[in-house]
């Protein structure tokens, strides 16, 4: 089974292309692929409960695991209690582990 790791570092409030990457991740998951979306840097901003977190909820419902870099969350003052239900905090080690297992990485 093919496995993918999407790394999203862009702020969806500034880049409309972020939604396209969520859609691509969801489409791959719906095809039966294993997909993780790892949010890092300003990519963690929609992980808070906000108007943009609905897009993450939709992506998660398609079967995408959504993780947010703990360091990026801390830098931006986003606590675990403020995360939307679709997102789990995770250390950057997850990226290294998933790359080591041979996932196809797409850094956006």
PDB file of N, CA and C in Angstrom:
ATOM      1  N   UNK A   1       0.845  -1.175   0.000  1.00  0.00           N
ATOM      2  CA  UNK A   1       0.000   0.000   0.000  1.00  0.00           C
ATOM      3  C   UNK A   1       0.895   1.245   0.000  1.00  0.00           C
ATOM      4  N   UNK A   2       0.539   2.198  -0.825  1.00  0.00           N
ATOM      5  CA  UNK A   2       1.307   3.434  -0.881  1.00  0.00           C
ATOM      6  C   UNK A   2       1.012   4.294   0.353  1.00  0.00           C
ATOM      7  N   UNK A   3       2.071   4.942   0.835  1.00  0.00           N
ATOM      8  CA  UNK A   3       1.941   5.810   1.997  1.00  0.00           C
ATOM      9  C   UNK A   3       2.531   7.179   1.666  1.00  0.00           C
ATOM     10  N   UNK A   4       1.824   8.209   2.089  1.00  0.00           N
ATOM     11  CA  UNK A   4       2.238   9.579   1.788  1.00  0.00           C
ATOM     12  C   UNK A   4       2.368  10.406   3.057  1.00  0.00           C
ATOM     13  N   UNK A   5       3.311  11.338   3.010  1.00  0.00           N
ATOM     14  CA  UNK A   5       3.491  12.310   4.078  1.00  0.00           C
ATOM     15  C   UNK A   5       3.465  13.699   3.448  1.00  0.00           C
ATOM     16  N   UNK A   6       2.416  14.449   3.729  1.00  0.00           N
ATOM     17  CA  UNK A   6       2.325  15.835   3.287  1.00  0.00           C
ATOM     18  C   UNK A   6       2.861  16.710   4.417  1.00  0.00           C
ATOM     19  N   UNK A   7       3.747  17.626   4.086  1.00  0.00           N
ATOM     20  CA  UNK A   7       4.262  18.576   5.073  1.00  0.00           C
ATOM     21  C   UNK A   7       3.809  19.960   4.630  1.00  0.00           C
ATOM     22  N   UNK A   8       2.927  20.559   5.419  1.00  0.00           N
ATOM     23  CA  UNK A   8       2.360  21.864   5.044  1.00  0.00           C
ATOM     24  C   UNK A   8       2.888  22.932   5.978  1.00  0.00           C
ATOM     25  N   UNK A   9       3.641  23.889   5.419  1.00  0.00           N
ATOM     26  CA  UNK A   9       4.219  24.962   6.228  1.00  0.00           C
ATOM     27  C   UNK A   9       3.581  26.323   5.944  1.00  0.00           C
ATOM     28  N   UNK A  10       2.645  26.351   5.003  1.00  0.00           N
ATOM     29  CA  UNK A  10       2.059  27.648   4.628  1.00  0.00           C
ATOM     30  C   UNK A  10       0.817  27.968   5.452  1.00  0.00           C
ATOM     31  N   UNK A  11       0.586  29.255   5.614  1.00  0.00           N
ATOM     32  CA  UNK A  11      -0.580  29.763   6.327  1.00  0.00           C
ATOM     33  C   UNK A  11      -1.765  29.812   5.356  1.00  0.00           C
ATOM     34  N   UNK A  12      -2.842  29.076   5.609  1.00  0.00           N
ATOM     35  CA  UNK A  12      -3.975  29.091   4.678  1.00  0.00           C
ATOM     36  C   UNK A  12      -4.686  30.439   4.619  1.00  0.00           C
ATOM     37  N   UNK A  13      -4.423  31.315   5.599  1.00  0.00           N
ATOM     38  CA  UNK A  13      -5.015  32.650   5.565  1.00  0.00           C
ATOM     39  C   UNK A  13      -4.298  33.534   4.547  1.00  0.00           C
ATOM     40  N   UNK A  14      -3.096  33.128   4.112  1.00  0.00           N
ATOM     41  CA  UNK A  14      -2.328  33.889   3.121  1.00  0.00           C
ATOM     42  C   UNK A  14      -2.228  33.190   1.774  1.00  0.00           C
ATOM     43  N   UNK A  15      -2.362  31.865   1.750  1.00  0.00           N
ATOM     44  CA  UNK A  15      -2.202  31.112   0.506  1.00  0.00           C
ATOM     45  C   UNK A  15      -3.428  30.249   0.245  1.00  0.00           C
ATOM     46  N   UNK A  16      -4.098  30.485  -0.850  1.00  0.00           N
ATOM     47  CA  UNK A  16      -5.277  29.694  -1.214  1.00  0.00           C
ATOM     48  C   UNK A  16      -4.873  28.298  -1.677  1.00  0.00           C
ATOM     49  N   UNK A  17      -3.597  28.085  -1.995  1.00  0.00           N
ATOM     50  CA  UNK A  17      -3.123  26.780  -2.458  1.00  0.00           C
ATOM     51  C   UNK A  17      -3.124  25.733  -1.339  1.00  0.00           C
ATOM     52  N   UNK A  18      -3.184  26.175  -0.110  1.00  0.00           N
ATOM     53  CA  UNK A  18      -3.188  25.240   1.012  1.00  0.00           C
ATOM     54  C   UNK A  18      -4.416  24.331   0.932  1.00  0.00           C
ATOM     55  N   UNK A  19      -5.545  24.900   0.589  1.00  0.00           N
ATOM     56  CA  UNK A  19      -6.767  24.105   0.453  1.00  0.00           C
ATOM     57  C   UNK A  19      -6.620  23.017  -0.602  1.00  0.00           C
ATOM     58  N   UNK A  20      -5.872  23.329  -1.665  1.00  0.00           N
ATOM     59  CA  UNK A  20      -5.636  22.333  -2.712  1.00  0.00           C
ATOM     60  C   UNK A  20      -4.798  21.175  -2.184  1.00  0.00           C
ATOM     61  N   UNK A  21      -3.844  21.470  -1.309  1.00  0.00           N
ATOM     62  CA  UNK A  21      -3.034  20.377  -0.755  1.00  0.00           C
ATOM     63  C   UNK A  21      -3.870  19.517   0.181  1.00  0.00           C
ATOM     64  N   UNK A  22      -4.785  20.137   0.948  1.00  0.00           N
ATOM     65  CA  UNK A  22      -5.702  19.362   1.794  1.00  0.00           C
ATOM     66  C   UNK A  22      -6.560  18.448   0.906  1.00  0.00           C
ATOM     67  N   UNK A  23      -7.057  19.006  -0.199  1.00  0.00           N
ATOM     68  CA  UNK A  23      -7.921  18.224  -1.100  1.00  0.00           C
ATOM     69  C   UNK A  23      -7.160  17.042  -1.704  1.00  0.00           C
ATOM     70  N   UNK A  24      -5.905  17.257  -2.096  1.00  0.00           N
ATOM     71  CA  UNK A  24      -5.102  16.178  -2.670  1.00  0.00           C
ATOM     72  C   UNK A  24      -4.861  15.081  -1.628  1.00  0.00           C
ATOM     73  N   UNK A  25      -4.548  15.483  -0.412  1.00  0.00           N
ATOM     74  CA  UNK A  25      -4.348  14.494   0.661  1.00  0.00           C
ATOM     75  C   UNK A  25      -5.625  13.690   0.890  1.00  0.00           C
ATOM     76  N   UNK A  26      -6.761  14.371   0.912  1.00  0.00           N
ATOM     77  CA  UNK A  26      -8.046  13.685   1.124  1.00  0.00           C
ATOM     78  C   UNK A  26      -8.351  12.726  -0.019  1.00  0.00           C
ATOM     79  N   UNK A  27      -8.071  13.143  -1.244  1.00  0.00           N
ATOM     80  CA  UNK A  27      -8.346  12.280  -2.403  1.00  0.00           C
ATOM     81  C   UNK A  27      -7.504  11.002  -2.339  1.00  0.00           C
ATOM     82  N   UNK A  28      -6.243  11.135  -1.969  1.00  0.00           N
ATOM     83  CA  UNK A  28      -5.381   9.946  -1.850  1.00  0.00           C
ATOM     84  C   UNK A  28      -5.890   9.015  -0.746  1.00  0.00           C
ATOM     85  N   UNK A  29      -6.312   9.586   0.357  1.00  0.00           N
ATOM     86  CA  UNK A  29      -6.844   8.759   1.455  1.00  0.00           C
ATOM     87  C   UNK A  29      -8.112   8.032   1.022  1.00  0.00           C
ATOM     88  N   UNK A  30      -8.945   8.712   0.270  1.00  0.00           N
ATOM     89  CA  UNK A  30     -10.190   8.096  -0.198  1.00  0.00           C
ATOM     90  C   UNK A  30      -9.926   6.977  -1.207  1.00  0.00           C
ATOM     91  N   UNK A  31      -8.749   7.004  -1.843  1.00  0.00           N
ATOM     92  CA  UNK A  31      -8.345   5.917  -2.758  1.00  0.00           C
ATOM     93  C   UNK A  31      -7.751   4.737  -1.989  1.00  0.00           C
ATOM     94  N   UNK A  32      -7.683   4.870  -0.670  1.00  0.00           N
ATOM     95  CA  UNK A  32      -7.170   3.774   0.149  1.00  0.00           C
ATOM     96  C   UNK A  32      -5.710   3.899   0.535  1.00  0.00           C
ATOM     97  N   UNK A  33      -5.089   5.014   0.180  1.00  0.00           N
ATOM     98  CA  UNK A  33      -3.691   5.242   0.554  1.00  0.00           C
ATOM     99  C   UNK A  33      -3.620   5.687   2.018  1.00  0.00           C
ATOM    100  N   UNK A  34      -2.493   5.416   2.643  1.00  0.00           N
ATOM    101  CA  UNK A  34      -2.240   5.903   3.999  1.00  0.00           C
ATOM    102  C   UNK A  34      -1.628   7.290   3.880  1.00  0.00           C
ATOM    103  N   UNK A  35      -2.270   8.286   4.476  1.00  0.00           N
ATOM    104  CA  UNK A  35      -1.826   9.675   4.303  1.00  0.00           C
ATOM    105  C   UNK A  35      -1.761  10.377   5.658  1.00  0.00           C
ATOM    106  N   UNK A  36      -0.629  11.024   5.882  1.00  0.00           N
ATOM    107  CA  UNK A  36      -0.465  11.890   7.048  1.00  0.00           C
ATOM    108  C   UNK A  36      -0.220  13.308   6.547  1.00  0.00           C
ATOM    109  N   UNK A  37      -0.902  14.264   7.140  1.00  0.00           N
ATOM    110  CA  UNK A  37      -0.671  15.689   6.876  1.00  0.00           C
ATOM    111  C   UNK A  37      -0.004  16.249   8.116  1.00  0.00           C
ATOM    112  N   UNK A  38       1.260  16.657   7.973  1.00  0.00           N
ATOM    113  CA  UNK A  38       2.013  17.205   9.108  1.00  0.00           C
ATOM    114  C   UNK A  38       2.084  18.716   8.947  1.00  0.00           C
ATOM    115  N   UNK A  39       1.511  19.433   9.887  1.00  0.00           N
ATOM    116  CA  UNK A  39       1.499  20.896   9.868  1.00  0.00           C
ATOM    117  C   UNK A  39       2.712  21.415  10.627  1.00  0.00           C
ATOM    118  N   UNK A  40       3.420  22.355  10.028  1.00  0.00           N
ATOM    119  CA  UNK A  40       4.627  22.902  10.644  1.00  0.00           C
ATOM    120  C   UNK A  40       4.708  24.396  10.323  1.00  0.00           C
ATOM    121  N   UNK A  41       5.473  25.133  11.106  1.00  0.00           N
ATOM    122  CA  UNK A  41       5.632  26.584  10.965  1.00  0.00           C
ATOM    123  C   UNK A  41       4.245  27.252  10.905  1.00  0.00           C
ATOM    124  N   UNK A  42       3.990  28.150   9.961  1.00  0.00           N
ATOM    125  CA  UNK A  42       2.679  28.812   9.907  1.00  0.00           C
ATOM    126  C   UNK A  42       1.561  27.879   9.445  1.00  0.00           C
ATOM    127  N   UNK A  43       1.904  26.698   9.014  1.00  0.00           N
ATOM    128  CA  UNK A  43       0.891  25.705   8.655  1.00  0.00           C
ATOM    129  C   UNK A  43       0.066  25.248   9.836  1.00  0.00           C
ATOM    130  N   UNK A  44       0.539  25.508  11.069  1.00  0.00           N
ATOM    131  CA  UNK A  44      -0.218  25.104  12.260  1.00  0.00           C
ATOM    132  C   UNK A  44      -1.336  26.089  12.605  1.00  0.00           C
ATOM    133  N   UNK A  45      -1.348  27.265  11.995  1.00  0.00           N
ATOM    134  CA  UNK A  45      -2.336  28.281  12.375  1.00  0.00           C
ATOM    135  C   UNK A  45      -3.786  27.807  12.251  1.00  0.00           C
ATOM    136  N   UNK A  46      -4.165  27.045  11.218  1.00  0.00           N
ATOM    137  CA  UNK A  46      -5.569  26.590  11.169  1.00  0.00           C
ATOM    138  C   UNK A  46      -5.874  25.450  12.135  1.00  0.00           C
ATOM    139  N   UNK A  47      -4.862  24.963  12.842  1.00  0.00           N
ATOM    140  CA  UNK A  47      -5.098  23.888  13.809  1.00  0.00           C
ATOM    141  C   UNK A  47      -5.912  24.388  15.004  1.00  0.00           C
ATOM    142  N   UNK A  48      -5.904  25.699  15.213  1.00  0.00           N
ATOM    143  CA  UNK A  48      -6.759  26.287  16.254  1.00  0.00           C
ATOM    144  C   UNK A  48      -8.206  26.244  15.778  1.00  0.00           C
ATOM    145  N   UNK A  49      -9.115  26.269  16.710  1.00  0.00           N
ATOM    146  CA  UNK A  49     -10.516  26.410  16.335  1.00  0.00           C
ATOM    147  C   UNK A  49     -10.667  27.747  15.609  1.00  0.00           C
ATOM    148  N   UNK A  50     -11.009  27.698  14.330  1.00  0.00           N
ATOM    149  CA  UNK A  50     -11.167  28.905  13.527  1.00  0.00           C
ATOM    150  C   UNK A  50     -11.979  28.563  12.285  1.00  0.00           C
ATOM    151  N   UNK A  51     -12.211  29.552  11.458  1.00  0.00           N
ATOM    152  CA  UNK A  51     -12.960  29.298  10.220  1.00  0.00           C
ATOM    153  C   UNK A  51     -12.198  28.337   9.304  1.00  0.00           C
ATOM    154  N   UNK A  52     -10.887  28.356   9.352  1.00  0.00           N
ATOM    155  CA  UNK A  52     -10.081  27.475   8.495  1.00  0.00           C
ATOM    156  C   UNK A  52      -9.961  26.058   9.048  1.00  0.00           C
ATOM    157  N   UNK A  53     -10.269  25.849  10.317  1.00  0.00           N
ATOM    158  CA  UNK A  53     -10.150  24.494  10.864  1.00  0.00           C
ATOM    159  C   UNK A  53     -11.212  23.562  10.298  1.00  0.00           C
ATOM    160  N   UNK A  54     -12.282  24.098   9.740  1.00  0.00           N
ATOM    161  CA  UNK A  54     -13.318  23.253   9.112  1.00  0.00           C
ATOM    162  C   UNK A  54     -12.722  22.467   7.955  1.00  0.00           C
ATOM    163  N   UNK A  55     -11.793  23.063   7.232  1.00  0.00           N
ATOM    164  CA  UNK A  55     -11.144  22.361   6.114  1.00  0.00           C
ATOM    165  C   UNK A  55     -10.315  21.181   6.631  1.00  0.00           C
ATOM    166  N   UNK A  56      -9.701  21.359   7.780  1.00  0.00           N
ATOM    167  CA  UNK A  56      -8.942  20.253   8.367  1.00  0.00           C
ATOM    168  C   UNK A  56      -9.876  19.147   8.853  1.00  0.00           C
ATOM    169  N   UNK A  57     -10.999  19.537   9.417  1.00  0.00           N
ATOM    170  CA  UNK A  57     -11.989  18.531   9.869  1.00  0.00           C
ATOM    171  C   UNK A  57     -12.453  17.697   8.661  1.00  0.00           C
ATOM    172  N   UNK A  58     -12.707  18.348   7.549  1.00  0.00           N
ATOM    173  CA  UNK A  58     -13.154  17.661   6.328  1.00  0.00           C
ATOM    174  C   UNK A  58     -12.072  16.712   5.827  1.00  0.00           C
ATOM    175  N   UNK A  59     -10.833  17.156   5.870  1.00  0.00           N
ATOM    176  CA  UNK A  59      -9.702  16.332   5.416  1.00  0.00           C
ATOM    177  C   UNK A  59      -9.545  15.104   6.318  1.00  0.00           C
ATOM    178  N   UNK A  60      -9.692  15.292   7.600  1.00  0.00           N
ATOM    179  CA  UNK A  60      -9.584  14.169   8.544  1.00  0.00           C
ATOM    180  C   UNK A  60     -10.702  13.149   8.313  1.00  0.00           C
ATOM    181  N   UNK A  61     -11.902  13.636   8.020  1.00  0.00           N
ATOM    182  CA  UNK A  61     -13.029  12.731   7.769  1.00  0.00           C
ATOM    183  C   UNK A  61     -12.786  11.863   6.535  1.00  0.00           C
ATOM    184  N   UNK A  62     -11.947  12.337   5.623  1.00  0.00           N
ATOM    185  CA  UNK A  62     -11.601  11.554   4.425  1.00  0.00           C
ATOM    186  C   UNK A  62     -10.608  10.438   4.745  1.00  0.00           C
ATOM    187  N   UNK A  63     -10.044  10.481   5.961  1.00  0.00           N
ATOM    188  CA  UNK A  63      -9.121   9.430   6.365  1.00  0.00           C
ATOM    189  C   UNK A  63      -7.678   9.864   6.525  1.00  0.00           C
ATOM    190  N   UNK A  64      -7.435  11.157   6.485  1.00  0.00           N
ATOM    191  CA  UNK A  64      -6.075  11.680   6.631  1.00  0.00           C
ATOM    192  C   UNK A  64      -5.763  11.890   8.114  1.00  0.00           C
ATOM    193  N   UNK A  65      -4.614  11.372   8.550  1.00  0.00           N
ATOM    194  CA  UNK A  65      -4.133  11.655   9.902  1.00  0.00           C
ATOM    195  C   UNK A  65      -3.504  13.042   9.877  1.00  0.00           C
ATOM    196  N   UNK A  66      -3.939  13.917  10.772  1.00  0.00           N
ATOM    197  CA  UNK A  66      -3.417  15.284  10.783  1.00  0.00           C
ATOM    198  C   UNK A  66      -2.675  15.524  12.088  1.00  0.00           C
ATOM    199  N   UNK A  67      -1.397  15.865  11.945  1.00  0.00           N
ATOM    200  CA  UNK A  67      -0.530  16.125  13.088  1.00  0.00           C
ATOM    201  C   UNK A  67       0.017  17.543  12.993  1.00  0.00           C
ATOM    202  N   UNK A  68       0.266  18.157  14.129  1.00  0.00           N
ATOM    203  CA  UNK A  68       0.839  19.507  14.159  1.00  0.00           C
ATOM    204  C   UNK A  68       2.111  19.495  14.996  1.00  0.00           C
ATOM    205  N   UNK A  69       3.148  20.089  14.457  1.00  0.00           N
ATOM    206  CA  UNK A  69       4.441  20.149  15.127  1.00  0.00           C
ATOM    207  C   UNK A  69       4.317  20.868  16.477  1.00  0.00           C
ATOM    208  N   UNK A  70       4.710  20.177  17.531  1.00  0.00           N
ATOM    209  CA  UNK A  70       4.589  20.744  18.877  1.00  0.00           C
ATOM    210  C   UNK A  70       5.389  22.040  19.031  1.00  0.00           C
ATOM    211  N   UNK A  71       6.584  22.089  18.452  1.00  0.00           N
ATOM    212  CA  UNK A  71       7.421  23.289  18.578  1.00  0.00           C
ATOM    213  C   UNK A  71       6.765  24.481  17.878  1.00  0.00           C
ATOM    214  N   UNK A  72       6.227  24.239  16.679  1.00  0.00           N
ATOM    215  CA  UNK A  72       5.560  25.328  15.941  1.00  0.00           C
ATOM    216  C   UNK A  72       4.330  25.823  16.693  1.00  0.00           C
ATOM    217  N   UNK A  73       3.594  24.897  17.307  1.00  0.00           N
ATOM    218  CA  UNK A  73       2.424  25.295  18.100  1.00  0.00           C
ATOM    219  C   UNK A  73       2.855  26.161  19.277  1.00  0.00           C
ATOM    220  N   UNK A  74       3.909  25.715  19.977  1.00  0.00           N
ATOM    221  CA  UNK A  74       4.383  26.453  21.151  1.00  0.00           C
ATOM    222  C   UNK A  74       4.872  27.843  20.765  1.00  0.00           C
ATOM    223  N   UNK A  75       5.608  27.944  19.640  1.00  0.00           N
ATOM    224  CA  UNK A  75       6.100  29.249  19.183  1.00  0.00           C
ATOM    225  C   UNK A  75       4.977  30.234  18.920  1.00  0.00           C
ATOM    226  N   UNK A  76       3.822  29.724  18.505  1.00  0.00           N
ATOM    227  CA  UNK A  76       2.693  30.578  18.154  1.00  0.00           C
ATOM    228  C   UNK A  76       1.666  30.683  19.280  1.00  0.00           C
ATOM    229  N   UNK A  77       1.998  30.123  20.430  1.00  0.00           N
ATOM    230  CA  UNK A  77       1.125  30.233  21.597  1.00  0.00           C
ATOM    231  C   UNK A  77      -0.166  29.441  21.479  1.00  0.00           C
ATOM    232  N   UNK A  78      -0.146  28.379  20.685  1.00  0.00           N
ATOM    233  CA  UNK A  78      -1.349  27.553  20.505  1.00  0.00           C
ATOM    234  C   UNK A  78      -1.235  26.349  21.444  1.00  0.00           C
ATOM    235  N   UNK A  79      -2.092  26.306  22.434  1.00  0.00           N
ATOM    236  CA  UNK A  79      -2.077  25.207  23.391  1.00  0.00           C
ATOM    237  C   UNK A  79      -2.906  24.035  22.856  1.00  0.00           C
ATOM    238  N   UNK A  80      -2.667  22.856  23.426  1.00  0.00           N
ATOM    239  CA  UNK A  80      -3.415  21.664  23.007  1.00  0.00           C
ATOM    240  C   UNK A  80      -4.918  21.862  23.176  1.00  0.00           C
ATOM    241  N   UNK A  81      -5.307  22.599  24.190  1.00  0.00           N
ATOM    242  CA  UNK A  81      -6.737  22.825  24.462  1.00  0.00           C
ATOM    243  C   UNK A  81      -7.407  23.641  23.364  1.00  0.00           C
ATOM    244  N   UNK A  82      -6.627  24.395  22.585  1.00  0.00           N
ATOM    245  CA  UNK A  82      -7.196  25.238  21.521  1.00  0.00           C
ATOM    246  C   UNK A  82      -7.224  24.549  20.170  1.00  0.00           C
ATOM    247  N   UNK A  83      -6.710  23.313  20.094  1.00  0.00           N
ATOM    248  CA  UNK A  83      -6.675  22.611  18.801  1.00  0.00           C
ATOM    249  C   UNK A  83      -8.058  22.110  18.416  1.00  0.00           C
ATOM    250  N   UNK A  84      -8.324  22.103  17.114  1.00  0.00           N
ATOM    251  CA  UNK A  84      -9.570  21.505  16.648  1.00  0.00           C
ATOM    252  C   UNK A  84      -9.458  19.993  16.799  1.00  0.00           C
ATOM    253  N   UNK A  85     -10.581  19.309  16.805  1.00  0.00           N
ATOM    254  CA  UNK A  85     -10.601  17.874  17.089  1.00  0.00           C
ATOM    255  C   UNK A  85      -9.827  17.042  16.081  1.00  0.00           C
ATOM    256  N   UNK A  86      -9.651  17.537  14.866  1.00  0.00           N
ATOM    257  CA  UNK A  86      -9.009  16.754  13.805  1.00  0.00           C
ATOM    258  C   UNK A  86      -7.499  16.689  13.938  1.00  0.00           C
ATOM    259  N   UNK A  87      -6.927  17.527  14.790  1.00  0.00           N
ATOM    260  CA  UNK A  87      -5.473  17.689  14.851  1.00  0.00           C
ATOM    261  C   UNK A  87      -4.914  17.175  16.173  1.00  0.00           C
ATOM    262  N   UNK A  88      -3.822  16.432  16.069  1.00  0.00           N
ATOM    263  CA  UNK A  88      -3.107  15.955  17.246  1.00  0.00           C
ATOM    264  C   UNK A  88      -1.706  16.569  17.249  1.00  0.00           C
ATOM    265  N   UNK A  89      -1.243  17.051  18.391  1.00  0.00           N
ATOM    266  CA  UNK A  89       0.134  17.567  18.462  1.00  0.00           C
ATOM    267  C   UNK A  89       1.119  16.404  18.349  1.00  0.00           C
ATOM    268  N   UNK A  90       2.272  16.667  17.736  1.00  0.00           N
ATOM    269  CA  UNK A  90       3.269  15.607  17.549  1.00  0.00           C
ATOM    270  C   UNK A  90       4.660  16.233  17.449  1.00  0.00           C
ATOM    271  N   UNK A  91       5.665  15.488  17.872  1.00  0.00           N
ATOM    272  CA  UNK A  91       7.040  15.997  17.721  1.00  0.00           C
ATOM    273  C   UNK A  91       7.497  15.840  16.276  1.00  0.00           C
ATOM    274  N   UNK A  92       8.530  16.591  15.920  1.00  0.00           N
ATOM    275  CA  UNK A  92       9.077  16.526  14.562  1.00  0.00           C
ATOM    276  C   UNK A  92       9.640  15.142  14.245  1.00  0.00           C
ATOM    277  N   UNK A  93       9.918  14.370  15.280  1.00  0.00           N
ATOM    278  CA  UNK A  93      10.436  13.010  15.080  1.00  0.00           C
ATOM    279  C   UNK A  93       9.522  12.166  14.187  1.00  0.00           C
ATOM    280  N   UNK A  94       8.232  12.465  14.203  1.00  0.00           N
ATOM    281  CA  UNK A  94       7.272  11.717  13.385  1.00  0.00           C
ATOM    282  C   UNK A  94       7.650  11.801  11.906  1.00  0.00           C
ATOM    283  N   UNK A  95       8.083  12.976  11.481  1.00  0.00           N
ATOM    284  CA  UNK A  95       8.479  13.157  10.074  1.00  0.00           C
ATOM    285  C   UNK A  95       9.672  12.253   9.748  1.00  0.00           C
ATOM    286  N   UNK A  96      10.651  12.253  10.618  1.00  0.00           N
ATOM    287  CA  UNK A  96      11.845  11.426  10.410  1.00  0.00           C
ATOM    288  C   UNK A  96      11.464   9.947  10.355  1.00  0.00           C
ATOM    289  N   UNK A  97      10.619   9.526  11.294  1.00  0.00           N
ATOM    290  CA  UNK A  97      10.201   8.119  11.333  1.00  0.00           C
ATOM    291  C   UNK A  97       9.435   7.731  10.067  1.00  0.00           C
ATOM    292  N   UNK A  98       8.534   8.584   9.613  1.00  0.00           N
ATOM    293  CA  UNK A  98       7.738   8.252   8.432  1.00  0.00           C
ATOM    294  C   UNK A  98       8.585   8.275   7.157  1.00  0.00           C
ATOM    295  N   UNK A  99       9.549   9.170   7.092  1.00  0.00           N
ATOM    296  CA  UNK A  99      10.464   9.178   5.944  1.00  0.00           C
ATOM    297  C   UNK A  99      11.319   7.914   5.952  1.00  0.00           C
ATOM    298  N   UNK A 100      11.742   7.499   7.135  1.00  0.00           N
ATOM    299  CA  UNK A 100      12.572   6.297   7.259  1.00  0.00           C
ATOM    300  C   UNK A 100      11.811   5.037   6.845  1.00  0.00           C
ATOM    301  N   UNK A 101      10.499   5.040   7.031  1.00  0.00           N
ATOM    302  CA  UNK A 101       9.710   3.870   6.620  1.00  0.00           C
ATOM    303  C   UNK A 101       9.415   3.869   5.132  1.00  0.00           C
ATOM    304  N   UNK A 102       9.821   4.929   4.432  1.00  0.00           N
ATOM    305  CA  UNK A 102       9.699   4.958   2.986  1.00  0.00           C
ATOM    306  C   UNK A 102       8.493   5.675   2.425  1.00  0.00           C
ATOM    307  N   UNK A 103       7.854   6.505   3.245  1.00  0.00           N
ATOM    308  CA  UNK A 103       6.708   7.260   2.719  1.00  0.00           C
ATOM    309  C   UNK A 103       7.141   8.238   1.638  1.00  0.00           C
ATOM    310  N   UNK A 104       6.261   8.463   0.694  1.00  0.00           N
ATOM    311  CA  UNK A 104       6.492   9.491  -0.314  1.00  0.00           C
ATOM    312  C   UNK A 104       6.178  10.828   0.339  1.00  0.00           C
ATOM    313  N   UNK A 105       7.145  11.736   0.313  1.00  0.00           N
ATOM    314  CA  UNK A 105       6.980  13.029   0.973  1.00  0.00           C
ATOM    315  C   UNK A 105       6.632  14.109  -0.032  1.00  0.00           C
ATOM    316  N   UNK A 106       5.669  14.917   0.344  1.00  0.00           N
ATOM    317  CA  UNK A 106       5.273  16.070  -0.469  1.00  0.00           C
ATOM    318  C   UNK A 106       5.331  17.270   0.454  1.00  0.00           C
ATOM    319  N   UNK A 107       6.333  18.136   0.253  1.00  0.00           N
ATOM    320  CA  UNK A 107       6.524  19.311   1.107  1.00  0.00           C
ATOM    321  C   UNK A 107       5.959  20.508   0.377  1.00  0.00           C
ATOM    322  N   UNK A 108       4.994  21.142   0.985  1.00  0.00           N
ATOM    323  CA  UNK A 108       4.312  22.266   0.346  1.00  0.00           C
ATOM    324  C   UNK A 108       4.566  23.547   1.083  1.00  0.00           C
TER     325      UNK A 108
END
